[in-house]
Amino acid sequence: MERILRNDRPCWVLVGGRRRLGRALAEDLARDHDLVLTSSEPWGGETWVDDVSRTARIRTLQWNAEHPDLVSRMMADLDTLEADGWVISGAILLAGTFPASPLGTWTSEHLDATWRMNLSFPFLCAQALAPRLAEGACLQILLDTSIHQPWLQRLPYSAAKAGLAALVPGLAQLLAPKVRVVGHALGTLLPAEGSDVAFLASRTLLKRIGDPADLCRAVRFAADSPFLTGEVLTQDGGRRWVDR
């Protein structure tokens, strides 16, 4: 059976590896990695996946946080990957939403939806992936600078990311020494359409917003740092040190 580590080419799983940061990271990693990409939606029509598959072996999966059989679906997919010879040497949890939810608008349904996607889903993915990761693998989790300074108009989201930040040192202890765990607290890398980019840049020490390439470099650094685990790396251009 062919194994994915052929020619020293590692295989990584990107949960939420379809759009925006996920796509940018997949396109960067495909230069020297084989990839398993997940999305909450069917994968039809994503021509960029065909492009990267010219240089990397790509497997696409549908993992929907809203699906009642999510856990069994993940386990079945990982069983299939293992049976097909895929050896997972890294995983990155990117999936999440960024809903505005000012005080006074909170409802049980809204909070459940926010926390399901930004907290419960990453927890379940980490639990499913952890026993499948190869010796020396690195599990990386995308967070947000809101773990340092909560977004006041997005407090439920900020609370979810704070909970996810606690997963980093906790999992690092549970999975050591076989697997390392690293978090990434990101500032603005891909602002929403219509955002005031100049204002966002002015709120950093470096007077610029980030770029997906900043995340790609950090992910590769964490993967290649065998003495790094249980830490959250912050890339926000120094935003949290600027007086509000």
Protein backbone atom coordinates (compact mmCIF):
# COMPACT_ATOMS: atom_id res chain seq x y z
CA MET A 1 0.00 0.00 0.00
CA GLU A 2 1.33 3.44 -0.94
CA ARG A 3 1.95 5.65 2.09
CA ILE A 4 1.49 9.40 2.01
CA LEU A 5 4.96 10.05 3.41
CA ARG A 6 6.50 9.03 0.11
CA ASN A 7 9.57 11.09 -0.82
CA ASP A 8 9.48 12.75 2.62
CA ARG A 9 6.31 14.62 1.66
CA PRO A 10 4.15 15.02 4.80
CA CYS A 11 0.37 14.97 4.93
CA TRP A 12 -1.54 17.61 6.85
CA VAL A 13 -5.25 17.95 7.58
CA LEU A 14 -6.74 21.46 7.25
CA VAL A 15 -10.12 21.71 8.95
CA GLY A 16 -11.83 24.62 7.25
CA GLY A 17 -9.34 24.59 4.40
CA ARG A 18 -11.65 25.91 1.70
CA ARG A 19 -11.87 29.70 1.68
CA ARG A 20 -9.96 32.79 2.74
CA LEU A 21 -7.17 31.81 5.15
CA GLY A 22 -7.82 28.11 4.65
CA ARG A 23 -7.40 28.37 0.91
CA ALA A 24 -4.30 30.59 1.20
CA LEU A 25 -2.71 28.13 3.59
CA ALA A 26 -3.63 25.14 1.41
CA GLU A 27 -2.15 26.75 -1.68
CA ASP A 28 1.06 27.52 0.19
CA LEU A 29 1.43 24.10 1.79
CA ALA A 30 0.63 22.21 -1.42
CA ARG A 31 4.12 23.11 -2.66
CA ASP A 32 5.62 20.48 -0.36
CA HIS A 33 2.72 18.75 1.46
CA ASP A 34 -0.13 16.44 0.60
CA LEU A 35 -3.38 17.69 2.08
CA VAL A 36 -6.73 16.61 3.47
CA LEU A 37 -9.13 19.56 3.26
CA THR A 38 -12.47 19.77 5.04
CA SER A 39 -15.44 22.05 4.46
CA SER A 40 -18.98 22.29 5.80
CA GLU A 41 -20.27 22.32 2.22
CA PRO A 42 -19.87 20.00 -0.80
CA TRP A 43 -16.64 20.53 -2.71
CA GLY A 44 -17.98 20.87 -6.24
CA GLY A 45 -16.80 23.82 -8.34
CA GLU A 46 -13.61 24.62 -6.44
CA THR A 47 -11.26 24.90 -9.43
CA TRP A 48 -8.34 25.99 -7.26
CA VAL A 49 -8.32 22.51 -5.70
CA ASP A 50 -7.73 21.07 -9.18
CA ASP A 51 -4.83 23.48 -9.60
CA VAL A 52 -3.07 22.50 -6.37
CA SER A 53 -3.69 18.81 -7.04
CA ARG A 54 -1.18 19.08 -9.87
CA THR A 55 1.60 19.31 -7.29
CA ALA A 56 0.04 17.61 -4.25
CA ARG A 57 -2.22 14.69 -3.50
CA ILE A 58 -5.48 16.17 -2.21
CA ARG A 59 -8.38 14.52 -0.39
CA THR A 60 -11.52 16.61 0.28
CA LEU A 61 -14.01 15.84 3.07
CA GLN A 62 -17.27 17.37 4.22
CA TRP A 63 -17.41 17.97 7.97
CA ASN A 64 -20.43 20.05 8.94
CA ALA A 65 -20.63 21.23 12.55
CA GLU A 66 -24.43 21.29 12.31
CA HIS A 67 -24.78 17.66 11.24
CA PRO A 68 -26.13 15.37 14.00
CA ASP A 69 -23.82 12.55 12.90
CA LEU A 70 -20.69 14.73 12.77
CA VAL A 71 -18.60 12.62 15.14
CA SER A 72 -19.33 9.31 13.43
CA ARG A 73 -18.72 10.97 10.05
CA MET A 74 -15.30 12.22 11.15
CA MET A 75 -14.32 8.85 12.57
CA ALA A 76 -15.42 7.02 9.41
CA ASP A 77 -13.49 9.45 7.19
CA LEU A 78 -10.34 9.09 9.30
CA ASP A 79 -10.68 5.31 9.23
CA THR A 80 -10.83 5.48 5.42
CA LEU A 81 -7.76 7.72 5.25
CA GLU A 82 -5.83 5.33 7.46
CA ALA A 83 -6.94 2.34 5.38
CA ASP A 84 -5.78 4.15 2.24
CA GLY A 85 -2.33 4.71 3.72
CA TRP A 86 -2.53 8.37 4.66
CA VAL A 87 -0.23 9.10 7.63
CA ILE A 88 -1.22 12.40 9.25
CA SER A 89 1.82 14.35 10.41
CA GLY A 90 0.08 17.66 11.07
CA ALA A 91 -3.36 19.21 11.47
CA ILE A 92 -4.61 22.78 11.53
CA LEU A 93 -8.02 23.79 12.88
CA LEU A 94 -9.13 26.92 11.00
CA ALA A 95 -12.92 26.66 10.89
CA GLY A 96 -14.94 29.37 12.59
CA THR A 97 -17.38 32.24 12.22
CA PHE A 98 -17.14 35.91 13.23
CA PRO A 99 -20.67 37.05 14.11
CA ALA A 100 -21.48 40.47 15.50
CA SER A 101 -23.50 40.07 18.72
CA PRO A 102 -23.70 43.22 20.86
CA LEU A 103 -25.06 43.08 24.39
CA GLY A 104 -28.85 43.03 24.31
CA THR A 105 -29.12 40.85 21.20
CA TRP A 106 -28.07 37.56 22.76
CA THR A 107 -30.43 34.60 22.59
CA SER A 108 -29.93 30.95 23.52
CA GLU A 109 -30.10 29.99 19.84
CA HIS A 110 -27.55 32.60 18.79
CA LEU A 111 -25.14 31.69 21.56
CA ASP A 112 -25.46 27.98 20.80
CA ALA A 113 -24.70 28.60 17.12
CA THR A 114 -21.68 30.81 17.89
CA TRP A 115 -20.18 28.41 20.39
CA ARG A 116 -20.94 25.31 18.32
CA MET A 117 -18.87 26.56 15.39
CA ASN A 118 -16.11 28.38 17.28
CA LEU A 119 -15.68 26.10 20.30
CA SER A 120 -17.50 22.76 20.20
CA PHE A 121 -16.57 21.94 16.61
CA PRO A 122 -12.80 22.53 17.09
CA PHE A 123 -12.92 20.51 20.33
CA LEU A 124 -14.56 17.59 18.53
CA CYS A 125 -12.13 17.81 15.61
CA ALA A 126 -9.15 17.83 17.96
CA GLN A 127 -10.54 14.80 19.80
CA ALA A 128 -11.05 12.89 16.55
CA LEU A 129 -7.65 13.78 15.09
CA ALA A 130 -5.48 13.39 18.21
CA PRO A 131 -5.18 9.57 18.20
CA ARG A 132 -4.59 9.55 14.42
CA LEU A 133 -1.60 11.89 14.46
CA ALA A 134 1.81 10.39 13.79
CA GLU A 135 4.70 10.53 16.24
CA GLY A 136 6.17 14.04 16.17
CA ALA A 137 3.07 15.64 14.63
CA CYS A 138 2.00 19.18 15.44
CA LEU A 139 -1.65 20.10 15.99
CA GLN A 140 -2.19 23.82 15.37
CA ILE A 141 -5.27 25.83 16.33
CA LEU A 142 -6.29 29.23 14.96
CA LEU A 143 -7.39 31.70 17.60
CA ASP A 144 -7.86 35.46 17.60
CA THR A 145 -6.35 38.46 19.38
CA SER A 146 -9.68 38.68 21.20
CA ILE A 147 -8.16 36.23 23.69
CA HIS A 148 -6.04 39.20 24.83
CA GLN A 149 -8.62 41.99 24.39
CA PRO A 150 -12.22 40.84 23.90
CA TRP A 151 -14.22 42.32 21.02
CA LEU A 152 -16.96 44.21 22.85
CA GLN A 153 -19.40 43.85 19.95
CA ARG A 154 -18.52 40.16 19.65
CA LEU A 155 -18.29 38.96 23.26
CA PRO A 156 -19.77 35.48 22.63
CA TYR A 157 -17.21 34.93 19.86
CA SER A 158 -14.41 36.23 22.11
CA ALA A 159 -15.52 33.90 24.91
CA ALA A 160 -15.44 30.95 22.50
CA LYS A 161 -11.91 31.79 21.41
CA ALA A 162 -10.81 32.15 25.03
CA GLY A 163 -12.17 28.67 25.71
CA LEU A 164 -10.35 27.36 22.66
CA ALA A 165 -7.14 28.98 23.88
CA ALA A 166 -7.40 26.83 27.03
CA LEU A 167 -7.40 23.77 24.78
CA VAL A 168 -3.85 24.50 23.61
CA PRO A 169 -1.92 23.91 26.87
CA GLY A 170 -4.42 21.28 27.98
CA LEU A 171 -4.03 19.17 24.86
CA ALA A 172 -0.28 19.76 24.88
CA GLN A 173 -0.14 18.06 28.28
CA LEU A 174 -2.51 15.25 27.31
CA LEU A 175 -0.76 14.42 24.02
CA ALA A 176 2.88 14.86 25.06
CA PRO A 177 5.40 13.64 24.20
CA LYS A 178 3.99 12.17 20.98
CA VAL A 179 2.21 15.26 19.62
CA ARG A 180 2.87 18.98 20.04
CA VAL A 181 0.08 21.59 20.18
CA VAL A 182 0.45 25.25 19.18
CA GLY A 183 -2.11 28.05 18.90
CA HIS A 184 -2.08 31.17 16.71
CA ALA A 185 -3.77 34.35 17.95
CA LEU A 186 -4.24 36.40 14.80
CA GLY A 187 -4.96 40.03 14.18
CA THR A 188 -6.50 41.27 10.94
CA LEU A 189 -5.16 39.33 7.95
CA LEU A 190 -8.10 39.31 5.55
CA PRO A 191 -10.46 42.17 6.47
CA ALA A 192 -14.11 41.90 5.54
CA GLU A 193 -15.26 43.72 2.43
CA GLY A 194 -15.92 47.35 3.22
CA SER A 195 -13.56 47.45 6.20
CA ASP A 196 -11.53 50.60 6.84
CA VAL A 197 -8.11 49.07 6.21
CA ALA A 198 -6.28 52.32 6.93
CA PHE A 199 -7.92 52.56 10.36
CA LEU A 200 -7.20 48.91 11.13
CA ALA A 201 -3.55 49.45 10.19
CA SER A 202 -3.35 52.57 12.36
CA ARG A 203 -4.36 50.49 15.39
CA THR A 204 -1.15 48.43 15.22
CA LEU A 205 2.42 49.25 16.20
CA LEU A 206 3.61 48.21 12.74
CA LYS A 207 1.02 50.40 10.96
CA ARG A 208 -0.13 47.63 8.67
CA ILE A 209 -2.56 44.76 8.69
CA GLY A 210 -1.37 41.21 8.28
CA ASP A 211 -1.23 39.00 5.23
CA PRO A 212 -2.00 35.28 4.79
CA ALA A 213 1.71 34.80 4.17
CA ASP A 214 2.30 35.83 7.81
CA LEU A 215 0.18 32.90 8.94
CA CYS A 216 1.85 30.52 6.50
CA ARG A 217 5.28 31.38 7.88
CA ALA A 218 4.10 30.96 11.47
CA VAL A 219 2.49 27.58 10.75
CA ARG A 220 5.66 26.30 9.12
CA PHE A 221 7.75 27.67 12.00
CA ALA A 222 5.61 25.86 14.59
CA ALA A 223 5.74 22.62 12.63
CA ASP A 224 9.53 22.83 12.36
CA SER A 225 10.14 23.70 16.04
CA PRO A 226 10.35 20.38 17.92
CA PHE A 227 10.81 22.04 21.33
CA LEU A 228 7.69 24.23 21.01
CA THR A 229 4.40 23.08 22.53
CA GLY A 230 1.56 24.40 24.66
CA GLU A 231 2.11 27.97 23.49
CA VAL A 232 -0.06 30.52 21.69
CA LEU A 233 1.85 32.62 19.16
CA THR A 234 0.35 36.08 18.62
CA GLN A 235 0.55 37.91 15.31
CA ASP A 236 -1.37 41.16 15.47
CA GLY A 237 1.24 43.77 14.55
CA GLY A 238 1.34 44.82 18.20
CA ARG A 239 -2.34 45.78 18.22
CA ARG A 240 -2.85 44.82 21.86
CA TRP A 241 -0.17 47.30 22.94
CA VAL A 242 -1.90 50.27 21.30
CA ASP A 243 -4.09 52.33 23.64
CA ARG A 244 -7.75 52.18 22.67
